[in-house]
Every structure is written in structure tokens, then in C-alpha cells.
């Protein structure tokens, strides 16, 4: 959530910044609501002052032996007026809060301006794309060759956009997740956490999934409903909710493996083939909770940690910075990693690493006590995939395929596969 002071004190610049994020603010309506808030705040303070003065005069009149009934009636009337004004004031504040919950984070100054993914900027690339002396198959064809990737069986159980993995493919999927967790905990210093897969609405709101993206969430029929996590970012980041950290307790660095559940609302017809876009998928998620002055450095560390997984697997990739029009709702700056998929002849996203600055922290009331002033300040939150497990599986299958359809297991994964070196059809 944006700091309301930004809108109150620098509205024109904020309006322009929001436009680059694809959000148009109704300035007239916003200013009218803000004028009401100011007027009600002034009226509230006036009535409180009058009531206090009248209450004080009651004691004085009583000491003088005067009739205090008129004063009691006046205080009661002021109290009634104050109650009504305070109720209206809360209503206006609730309307403003609802408005703020709908606004995206502002882009960092160094984020390139642009409308969509075509305006993203490549920062660097790593590795060499594999050269094949045959036409490489995509992961769906490889799944058919091996009989270990079954969309029909999954559809029988759950409907479209699910995939059932079998035998060595299922084990490779598990091995990849275990490998990622080991690297991040043993080499990168993350604390592994196991978190609930169902969370409360407040938890979803804390990281920006609600109310804006309710249509993309799976919810229970409880009242109030609970939500299947769309990413481990939601429960893990909310570990900081309502916290006031001591400065020496930060940074906090967490890693979690969870299934992720998304309706994929608005994506009809996109990536319907194979495992690219599913209602359920596994992800290893990285989360940083840091002081504001450390968030830029933490963002660079986050992307480096995610890239290291691909480097260890020997998979070619490129890293891009997203433009203002392509970033996620809560992000101030986002790096995406796109892995090369020879079966598709294209780079595809495998990780998205975002600095959300204080946007989520303001929603969650996540703070750190400044050691110099003793006052609590909002933390900064960052998150990124390290990596999406299913898409990494796709990348390994397509990049390490042989002409007969067999899959060579990257050497670093072989211990996780019981020493298996090749998956043969």
C-alpha cells in the first residue's frame, strides 16, 4: 500500500507515476474525498475540544453550587454529535484505504518506462544454448516418448491445466526441489520454513493478492474463507506481519517449497500445452525482510541466488529488468530470469525477483526499530523464485535430451537421483 502522505503532498507527480503502472487515478474524486476527510478531522477536533471544555466546566459549576443539568445536556449533545462525526470520519478513511489497496506500488527511478513485455530490457545472459544435430522435442513430446507425463490422467482427476508425473520424471521433479533447497540453505544462508498452504484473507491482503486479484485465487467455502496459497511469498512474507524487529534481527532470509495454486484468470488460451501454465505447480520461494537502506543490495543478492541454480544445472538463461507496465502489482522493481527451452526455441520465465520496498510492510505493519531514534520504521520486503520447479524440470528435459529421447541427468543432480545418469524411454 502506498504512503497516503505521498498522495496528499505530491499528488500530480504521484498521478503521473501511477500512469506508468497502468493505473489512472480519478483525481477529482480523490481530492473530494480528501477534502471531506480534512473537514471531518477538523470538526472532530473541534467537538472534542468543546466537550472537554464543557466537561471541565461541570466540575467548576458543581463546586459553586450551580445547576449543572444544562451543562450535562450540552455535554451529552456534543458527545452525540462527536459520535456521528467520528463514524463518518471512519467511513471516509475506510473508503480511502480501499482506494489505496487498489493502487499498485510506484516504480523505482531506474525502472525502464514501457507498456508491456516488449519494453523489458535484457541485462545479461549466461551459458551457451545446446546445439543439436536433430530437431529437439519439447517437454510434452518427451513426456509421450517416456510415458511419464500424463495430462489425460490429471484431467480425469482434476480437469484441465494439471499434469501427473510418473516414475523418473516424478523423481527428477522432487530431486530438483531438494537440490534448490540445499543450495539456498547450505550456500546462500536462508532459513528453510514449512508453511501452511491455506491462509486467511488478511494474509493474502498483506502481500497484495487481495482485494485486487481475488478472481485468481482458490478459496474455501468457510466464512470467512481461507485461500490456497498462490505462492509461498504470501505466508512467508507475512511472518513479519505486526512485528517490530530489533535492528540486529535483520535481515531475515527465508526459503520455502510449496505447491502454488492459481486460477490463471484471464489466461484462457495461453500456454495450454504442457506444464508451462498450470493451476497447481511447485515453487521454491526466497523471501528477504530487510531495513530500507539494505533493500537494493538485497535485491541484487536475491537475483544472484536464483541465477546460481541455473548455473549449477548448466542451463542457458538471460536476466531482464521489467518495464513499468509489466511489473507485478506489489513490486517497485523486478528482475526476471528466462531459461532457454530448445523444444520451443525461446526463452521462458523461470524466476521473478521483486523488491516491494515498504508497500507490503505498510499493509502488514511490519517494522524495525531504528537504533538511532528508537522509533519503529517500515521494513522492506523482497521475494523471488529460486526456482519454479516444474519449469526447471521442463528446462532439464529439453536441454539434456538425446536423439533417441533419453534424458541425461546433470551431474549435480545425480546424487539426488540415486546415482541415475540417464532416463531412458
Protein backbone atom coordinates (compact mmCIF):
# COMPACT_ATOMS: atom_id res chain seq x y z
CA UNK A 1 0.00 0.00 0.00
CA UNK A 2 1.27 3.46 -0.87
CA UNK A 3 2.01 6.02 1.82
CA UNK A 4 -1.08 8.30 1.80
CA UNK A 5 1.20 11.26 2.53
CA UNK A 6 2.67 10.89 -0.97
CA UNK A 7 -0.78 11.43 -2.48
CA UNK A 8 -1.62 14.30 -0.15
CA UNK A 9 1.59 16.25 -0.60
CA UNK A 10 2.69 15.43 -4.16
CA UNK A 11 -0.47 14.38 -5.98
CA UNK A 12 0.47 15.47 -9.56
CA UNK A 13 3.76 13.56 -9.57
CA UNK A 14 2.12 10.51 -7.99
CA UNK A 15 -0.66 10.53 -10.58
CA UNK A 16 1.93 10.51 -13.38
CA UNK A 17 3.92 7.74 -11.69
CA UNK A 18 0.78 5.63 -11.35
CA UNK A 19 0.01 6.10 -15.05
CA UNK A 20 3.28 4.36 -15.93
CA UNK A 21 1.96 1.38 -13.95
CA UNK A 22 -1.26 1.37 -15.98
CA UNK A 23 -3.33 2.92 -13.20
CA UNK A 24 -5.37 6.07 -13.74
CA UNK A 25 -6.40 7.90 -10.60
CA UNK A 26 -9.71 9.81 -10.59
CA UNK A 27 -8.14 12.99 -9.24
CA UNK A 28 -11.40 14.92 -8.76
CA UNK A 29 -12.99 12.10 -6.77
CA UNK A 30 -9.84 11.56 -4.74
CA UNK A 31 -9.49 15.24 -3.90
CA UNK A 32 -13.18 15.45 -2.96
CA UNK A 33 -12.77 12.52 -0.58
CA UNK A 34 -9.60 14.03 0.87
CA UNK A 35 -11.41 17.36 1.42
CA UNK A 36 -14.14 15.51 3.31
CA UNK A 37 -11.53 13.76 5.44
CA UNK A 38 -9.85 17.05 6.34
CA UNK A 39 -13.16 18.76 7.16
CA UNK A 40 -14.29 15.85 9.31
CA UNK A 41 -10.96 15.74 11.09
CA UNK A 42 -11.21 19.46 11.90
CA UNK A 43 -14.82 19.02 13.03
CA UNK A 44 -13.84 16.04 15.22
CA UNK A 45 -11.11 18.04 16.92
CA UNK A 46 -13.47 21.00 17.46
CA UNK A 47 -16.14 18.83 19.08
CA UNK A 48 -13.59 17.04 21.25
CA UNK A 49 -12.26 20.40 22.45
CA UNK A 50 -15.75 21.72 23.19
CA UNK A 51 -16.76 18.54 25.01
CA UNK A 52 -13.62 18.59 27.12
CA UNK A 53 -14.13 22.25 28.00
CA UNK A 54 -17.79 21.62 28.87
CA UNK A 55 -16.91 18.61 30.99
CA UNK A 56 -14.40 20.72 32.87
CA UNK A 57 -16.99 23.46 33.47
CA UNK A 58 -19.37 20.92 35.02
CA UNK A 59 -16.97 20.34 37.88
CA UNK A 60 -16.46 24.06 38.33
CA UNK A 61 -20.21 24.79 38.33
CA UNK A 62 -20.83 21.95 40.76
CA UNK A 63 -18.23 23.38 43.14
CA UNK A 64 -20.04 26.70 43.03
CA UNK A 65 -23.34 25.01 43.81
CA UNK A 66 -24.91 25.89 40.45
CA UNK A 67 -27.43 23.84 38.48
CA UNK A 68 -25.34 21.57 36.22
CA UNK A 69 -28.20 19.94 34.33
CA UNK A 70 -27.94 22.30 31.32
CA UNK A 71 -24.22 21.60 31.15
CA UNK A 72 -24.79 17.85 31.34
CA UNK A 73 -27.26 18.08 28.50
CA UNK A 74 -24.82 20.17 26.45
CA UNK A 75 -22.03 17.63 27.00
CA UNK A 76 -24.38 14.79 26.03
CA UNK A 77 -25.35 16.63 22.84
CA UNK A 78 -21.70 17.26 21.99
CA UNK A 79 -20.97 13.59 22.61
CA UNK A 80 -23.78 12.56 20.28
CA UNK A 81 -22.53 14.90 17.56
CA UNK A 82 -18.99 13.67 18.05
CA UNK A 83 -20.09 10.04 17.72
CA UNK A 84 -21.80 10.78 14.41
CA UNK A 85 -18.85 12.75 13.04
CA UNK A 86 -16.36 10.08 14.12
CA UNK A 87 -18.46 7.41 12.38
CA UNK A 88 -18.49 9.44 9.17
CA UNK A 89 -14.76 10.08 9.53
CA UNK A 90 -14.09 6.33 9.84
CA UNK A 91 -16.23 5.69 6.76
CA UNK A 92 -14.20 8.20 4.74
CA UNK A 93 -10.94 6.67 5.99
CA UNK A 94 -12.22 3.20 5.03
CA UNK A 95 -13.03 4.49 1.53
CA UNK A 96 -9.53 5.95 1.24
CA UNK A 97 -7.98 2.70 2.46
CA UNK A 98 -9.99 0.72 -0.11
CA UNK A 99 -8.68 3.09 -2.77
CA UNK A 100 -5.09 2.67 -1.59
CA UNK A 101 -5.46 -1.11 -1.59
CA UNK A 102 -6.31 -0.90 -5.30
CA UNK A 103 -3.25 1.16 -6.26
CA UNK A 104 -0.03 -0.55 -7.40
CA UNK A 105 3.38 0.21 -5.97
CA UNK A 106 5.35 3.03 -7.59
CA UNK A 107 8.22 2.02 -9.84
CA UNK A 108 11.78 2.72 -8.75
CA UNK A 109 13.51 5.57 -10.56
CA UNK A 110 15.77 3.24 -12.57
CA UNK A 111 12.96 1.03 -13.91
CA UNK A 112 12.57 1.47 -17.68
CA UNK A 113 9.31 3.03 -18.82
CA UNK A 114 7.18 0.84 -21.04
CA UNK A 115 3.76 -0.60 -21.73
CA UNK A 116 4.33 -4.37 -21.77
CA UNK A 117 6.88 -7.19 -22.07
CA UNK A 118 8.13 -5.83 -25.38
CA UNK A 119 9.66 -2.89 -23.48
CA UNK A 120 11.62 -5.01 -20.98
CA UNK A 121 15.40 -4.64 -21.07
CA UNK A 122 17.89 -7.50 -21.16
CA UNK A 123 20.69 -7.03 -18.61
CA UNK A 124 22.84 -10.08 -19.22
CA UNK A 125 22.87 -13.65 -20.47
CA UNK A 126 24.70 -16.74 -19.28
CA UNK A 127 25.64 -20.06 -20.82
CA UNK A 128 25.55 -21.49 -24.30
CA UNK A 129 22.40 -22.80 -25.90
CA UNK A 130 22.82 -26.51 -26.67
CA UNK A 131 23.45 -27.42 -30.30
CA UNK A 132 21.51 -30.43 -31.56
CA UNK A 133 22.05 -32.38 -34.78
CA UNK A 134 18.35 -33.30 -34.67
CA UNK A 135 15.11 -31.39 -34.14
CA UNK A 136 14.75 -31.14 -30.36
CA UNK A 137 11.45 -32.25 -28.88
CA UNK A 138 9.51 -30.13 -26.42
CA UNK A 139 8.71 -31.47 -22.95
CA UNK A 140 5.26 -32.68 -23.98
CA UNK A 141 6.72 -34.86 -26.75
CA UNK A 142 9.41 -36.11 -24.38
CA UNK A 143 6.71 -36.97 -21.86
CA UNK A 144 4.93 -39.00 -24.53
CA UNK A 145 8.13 -40.81 -25.52
CA UNK A 146 8.72 -41.84 -21.89
CA UNK A 147 5.08 -42.23 -20.87
CA UNK A 148 5.86 -40.36 -17.64
CA UNK A 149 3.98 -37.07 -18.13
CA UNK A 150 0.24 -37.68 -18.25
CA UNK A 151 -2.14 -34.75 -18.79
CA UNK A 152 -5.07 -37.07 -19.54
CA UNK A 153 -4.83 -38.85 -16.19
CA UNK A 154 -4.56 -35.50 -14.42
CA UNK A 155 -7.61 -34.19 -16.30
CA UNK A 156 -9.55 -37.29 -15.25
CA UNK A 157 -8.75 -36.45 -11.63
CA UNK A 158 -8.95 -32.65 -11.61
CA UNK A 159 -9.75 -31.18 -15.03
CA UNK A 160 -7.63 -29.10 -17.37
CA UNK A 161 -4.28 -27.45 -16.53
CA UNK A 162 -2.95 -30.19 -14.28
CA UNK A 163 -0.18 -32.71 -15.01
CA UNK A 164 0.57 -36.08 -13.47
CA UNK A 165 4.24 -37.09 -13.38
CA UNK A 166 5.38 -40.70 -13.05
CA UNK A 167 8.48 -42.72 -12.24
CA UNK A 168 11.77 -40.99 -13.10
CA UNK A 169 10.08 -37.74 -14.14
CA UNK A 170 8.38 -37.52 -10.73
CA UNK A 171 11.67 -38.31 -9.01
CA UNK A 172 13.51 -35.70 -11.09
CA UNK A 173 10.89 -33.13 -10.11
CA UNK A 174 11.44 -33.99 -6.43
CA UNK A 175 15.21 -34.00 -6.87
CA UNK A 176 15.19 -30.51 -8.35
CA UNK A 177 13.26 -29.10 -5.39
CA UNK A 178 15.57 -30.80 -2.89
CA UNK A 179 18.63 -29.57 -4.76
CA UNK A 180 17.35 -25.98 -4.74
CA UNK A 181 16.57 -26.09 -1.01
CA UNK A 182 20.02 -27.49 -0.24
CA UNK A 183 21.82 -24.80 -2.24
CA UNK A 184 19.84 -21.95 -0.71
CA UNK A 185 20.15 -23.19 2.87
CA UNK A 186 23.72 -24.50 2.78
CA UNK A 187 25.37 -21.99 0.43
CA UNK A 188 23.20 -18.87 0.48
CA UNK A 189 22.27 -18.70 4.16
CA UNK A 190 18.48 -19.00 4.00
CA UNK A 191 16.39 -20.49 6.80
CA UNK A 192 14.04 -23.16 5.48
CA UNK A 193 10.44 -22.89 6.67
CA UNK A 194 7.45 -25.16 6.18
CA UNK A 195 4.30 -23.08 5.99
CA UNK A 196 0.52 -23.58 5.73
CA UNK A 197 -0.90 -23.95 2.23
CA UNK A 198 -4.16 -22.34 3.36
CA UNK A 199 -4.10 -18.76 4.64
CA UNK A 200 -6.52 -16.14 5.90
CA UNK A 201 -7.76 -13.22 3.84
CA UNK A 202 -5.68 -10.80 5.93
CA UNK A 203 -2.58 -12.76 4.97
CA UNK A 204 -3.42 -12.51 1.27
CA UNK A 205 -4.10 -8.79 1.66
CA UNK A 206 -0.78 -8.30 3.41
CA UNK A 207 1.21 -9.18 0.29
CA UNK A 208 -1.17 -7.58 -2.21
CA UNK A 209 -3.11 -10.57 -3.57
CA UNK A 210 -6.35 -9.22 -2.09
CA UNK A 211 -8.56 -7.46 -2.85
CA UNK A 212 -7.10 -6.75 -6.31
CA UNK A 213 -6.65 -10.35 -7.50
CA UNK A 214 -9.44 -12.23 -5.77
CA UNK A 215 -10.55 -13.73 -9.10
CA UNK A 216 -7.24 -15.55 -9.48
CA UNK A 217 -7.36 -17.21 -6.05
CA UNK A 218 -8.83 -20.53 -4.97
CA UNK A 219 -10.87 -20.05 -1.80
CA UNK A 220 -12.64 -22.37 0.61
CA UNK A 221 -16.33 -22.07 1.39
CA UNK A 222 -15.60 -21.22 5.03
CA UNK A 223 -16.87 -17.92 6.38
CA UNK A 224 -14.61 -16.07 6.28
CA UNK A 225 -12.89 -18.03 3.51
CA UNK A 226 -9.32 -19.25 3.56
CA UNK A 227 -7.19 -19.22 0.43
CA UNK A 228 -4.87 -21.74 -1.19
CA UNK A 229 -1.50 -20.03 -1.46
CA UNK A 230 -0.71 -18.68 -4.96
CA UNK A 231 2.96 -18.57 -3.91
CA UNK A 232 4.93 -19.18 -0.72
CA UNK A 233 5.64 -15.44 -0.77
CA UNK A 234 2.25 -14.97 0.89
CA UNK A 235 2.69 -16.97 4.12
CA UNK A 236 6.44 -16.47 4.38
CA UNK A 237 6.43 -12.67 3.98
CA UNK A 238 3.57 -12.44 6.46
CA UNK A 239 5.83 -13.89 9.14
CA UNK A 240 6.82 -10.22 9.51
CA UNK A 241 3.22 -9.01 9.98
CA UNK A 242 2.70 -6.93 13.14
CA UNK A 243 6.36 -7.40 14.07
CA UNK A 244 8.74 -4.74 15.36
CA UNK A 245 12.22 -6.17 14.80
CA UNK A 246 15.33 -5.05 16.57
CA UNK A 247 17.81 -3.73 14.00
CA UNK A 248 20.21 -6.58 14.70
CA UNK A 249 17.50 -9.15 13.87
CA UNK A 250 17.55 -8.12 10.21
CA UNK A 251 17.99 -9.28 7.55
CA UNK A 252 15.68 -12.29 7.73
CA UNK A 253 16.12 -14.68 4.81
CA UNK A 254 13.66 -17.50 4.29
CA UNK A 255 13.24 -20.29 1.74
CA UNK A 256 10.17 -22.48 1.37
CA UNK A 257 8.97 -25.12 -1.04
CA UNK A 258 5.21 -25.18 -1.55
CA UNK A 259 2.66 -26.06 -4.16
CA UNK A 260 1.13 -22.92 -5.67
CA UNK A 261 -2.49 -22.66 -6.73
CA UNK A 262 -3.79 -20.17 -9.29
CA UNK A 263 -6.97 -19.94 -11.33
CA UNK A 264 -4.99 -18.25 -14.11
CA UNK A 265 -7.93 -15.90 -14.62
CA UNK A 266 -7.63 -14.02 -17.88
CA UNK A 267 -5.16 -16.50 -19.39
CA UNK A 268 -7.61 -18.52 -21.46
CA UNK A 269 -5.86 -19.99 -24.49
CA UNK A 270 -2.36 -19.18 -23.20
CA UNK A 271 0.18 -21.98 -22.75
CA UNK A 272 -2.43 -24.70 -22.72
CA UNK A 273 0.11 -27.25 -23.96
CA UNK A 274 2.16 -28.98 -21.28
CA UNK A 275 3.33 -27.72 -17.90
CA UNK A 276 4.10 -24.07 -18.60
CA UNK A 277 0.90 -22.62 -17.08
CA UNK A 278 -0.88 -24.81 -14.54
CA UNK A 279 -3.47 -24.42 -11.79
CA UNK A 280 -1.07 -26.25 -9.45
CA UNK A 281 2.71 -26.14 -9.55
CA UNK A 282 5.68 -26.34 -7.18
CA UNK A 283 7.99 -23.47 -6.43
CA UNK A 284 10.95 -22.85 -4.17
CA UNK A 285 10.49 -19.29 -2.93
CA UNK A 286 13.03 -16.89 -1.45
CA UNK A 287 11.99 -14.04 0.85
CA UNK A 288 14.06 -11.24 2.40
CA UNK A 289 12.95 -8.93 5.23
CA UNK A 290 15.43 -6.05 5.46
CA UNK A 291 15.93 -2.46 6.56
CA UNK A 292 15.12 0.15 3.90
CA UNK A 293 18.74 1.10 3.33
CA UNK A 294 19.64 -2.52 2.56
CA UNK A 295 16.90 -3.40 0.07
CA UNK A 296 18.73 -2.57 -3.15
CA UNK A 297 21.69 -4.74 -2.16
CA UNK A 298 19.29 -7.49 -1.06
CA UNK A 299 17.60 -7.37 -4.47
CA UNK A 300 20.92 -7.99 -6.22
CA UNK A 301 21.68 -10.83 -3.82
CA UNK A 302 18.27 -12.36 -4.47
CA UNK A 303 18.67 -12.46 -8.24
CA UNK A 304 22.21 -13.82 -7.93
CA UNK A 305 20.98 -16.64 -5.68
CA UNK A 306 18.29 -17.60 -8.21
CA UNK A 307 20.72 -17.43 -11.14
CA UNK A 308 23.17 -19.69 -9.30
CA UNK A 309 20.71 -22.60 -9.51
CA UNK A 310 20.63 -22.38 -13.31
CA UNK A 311 24.39 -22.03 -13.47
CA UNK A 312 24.88 -25.18 -11.40
CA UNK A 313 22.45 -27.00 -13.70
CA UNK A 314 24.27 -25.72 -16.79
CA UNK A 315 21.14 -24.13 -18.26
CA UNK A 316 21.47 -21.09 -20.51
CA UNK A 317 19.41 -18.10 -19.43
CA UNK A 318 19.05 -14.36 -19.68
CA UNK A 319 18.17 -11.81 -17.00
CA UNK A 320 15.91 -8.88 -17.80
CA UNK A 321 14.56 -5.92 -15.88
CA UNK A 322 10.82 -5.46 -16.30
CA UNK A 323 9.44 -2.16 -17.52
CA UNK A 324 6.86 -0.15 -15.58
CA UNK A 325 3.94 -1.68 -17.46
CA UNK A 326 4.95 -5.32 -16.98
CA UNK A 327 5.76 -5.45 -13.27
CA UNK A 328 3.61 -7.16 -10.68
CA UNK A 329 1.24 -5.16 -8.52
CA UNK A 330 3.37 -5.00 -5.35
CA UNK A 331 6.78 -4.60 -7.00
CA UNK A 332 8.85 -1.46 -7.18
CA UNK A 333 11.47 -3.18 -9.35
CA UNK A 334 11.56 -6.69 -10.81
CA UNK A 335 14.20 -8.84 -12.43
CA UNK A 336 13.03 -11.85 -14.44
CA UNK A 337 15.18 -14.82 -15.34
CA UNK A 338 14.26 -16.55 -18.58
CA UNK A 339 15.67 -20.00 -19.29
CA UNK A 340 16.33 -21.27 -22.81
CA UNK A 341 13.92 -24.01 -23.92
CA UNK A 342 15.18 -25.61 -27.15
CA UNK A 343 11.92 -27.50 -27.70
CA UNK A 344 10.18 -24.15 -28.03
CA UNK A 345 13.14 -22.26 -29.49
CA UNK A 346 12.52 -19.48 -26.98
CA UNK A 347 13.43 -18.09 -23.59
CA UNK A 348 10.70 -18.57 -20.97
CA UNK A 349 10.34 -17.09 -17.49
CA UNK A 350 11.58 -19.32 -14.70
CA UNK A 351 12.02 -16.80 -11.90
CA UNK A 352 10.76 -13.36 -10.98
CA UNK A 353 12.62 -11.46 -8.23
CA UNK A 354 10.99 -8.31 -6.87
CA UNK A 355 11.81 -5.54 -4.44
CA UNK A 356 8.48 -4.47 -2.94
CA UNK A 357 10.07 -1.73 -0.78
CA UNK A 358 7.65 -0.78 2.04
CA UNK A 359 4.49 -1.48 0.00
CA UNK A 360 3.71 -4.83 1.65
CA UNK A 361 5.15 -3.80 5.00
CA UNK A 362 2.67 -0.93 5.31
CA UNK A 363 -0.20 -3.37 4.78
CA UNK A 364 1.27 -5.86 7.25
CA UNK A 365 2.51 -3.31 9.83
CA UNK A 366 5.95 -4.89 9.61
CA UNK A 367 8.54 -2.65 11.23
CA UNK A 368 12.05 -2.39 12.61
CA UNK A 369 13.16 -0.17 15.48
CA UNK A 370 15.69 2.43 14.35
CA UNK A 371 18.63 2.10 16.78
CA UNK A 372 19.47 5.81 16.45
CA UNK A 373 16.00 7.25 17.06
CA UNK A 374 14.33 4.38 18.91
CA UNK A 375 11.32 4.78 16.62
CA UNK A 376 9.78 1.96 14.54
CA UNK A 377 10.16 2.22 10.75
CA UNK A 378 8.70 0.10 7.99
CA UNK A 379 10.86 -2.76 6.74
CA UNK A 380 11.34 -3.56 3.07
CA UNK A 381 10.26 -6.94 1.69
CA UNK A 382 11.65 -8.83 -1.29
CA UNK A 383 10.72 -12.14 -2.87
CA UNK A 384 11.75 -14.31 -5.77
CA UNK A 385 11.51 -17.80 -7.21
CA UNK A 386 14.55 -19.86 -6.63
CA UNK A 387 13.19 -21.54 -8.83
CA UNK A 388 9.84 -22.64 -10.26
CA UNK A 389 10.31 -26.41 -10.03
CA UNK A 390 8.08 -27.51 -12.90
CA UNK A 391 9.63 -25.09 -15.35
CA UNK A 392 13.10 -26.17 -14.25
CA UNK A 393 12.07 -29.76 -14.93
CA UNK A 394 10.96 -28.70 -18.41
CA UNK A 395 14.31 -26.96 -18.98
CA UNK A 396 16.32 -30.02 -17.90
CA UNK A 397 14.25 -32.35 -20.08
CA UNK A 398 14.54 -30.19 -23.19
CA UNK A 399 18.18 -29.13 -22.79
CA UNK A 400 19.56 -32.56 -21.84
CA UNK A 401 17.59 -34.67 -24.34
CA UNK A 402 19.30 -37.05 -26.73
CA UNK A 403 18.23 -38.06 -30.24
CA UNK A 404 16.60 -41.29 -29.01
CA UNK A 405 14.56 -39.30 -26.48
CA UNK A 406 16.66 -40.26 -23.46
CA UNK A 407 17.49 -37.57 -20.88
CA UNK A 408 20.98 -37.16 -19.47
CA UNK A 409 20.82 -36.22 -15.78
CA UNK A 410 23.01 -33.18 -14.95
CA UNK A 411 25.90 -34.43 -12.85
CA UNK A 412 24.98 -32.23 -9.89
CA UNK A 413 21.53 -33.87 -9.72
CA UNK A 414 22.71 -37.48 -9.95
CA UNK A 415 23.17 -37.91 -6.16
CA UNK A 416 19.53 -36.83 -5.73
CA UNK A 417 18.51 -39.43 -8.32
CA UNK A 418 20.20 -42.38 -6.57
CA UNK A 419 23.13 -42.19 -8.98
CA UNK A 420 20.95 -42.43 -12.10
CA UNK A 421 22.79 -40.89 -15.04
CA UNK A 422 20.26 -41.28 -17.87
CA UNK A 423 16.49 -41.57 -18.05
CA UNK A 424 15.80 -43.90 -20.98
CA UNK A 425 12.47 -44.25 -22.81
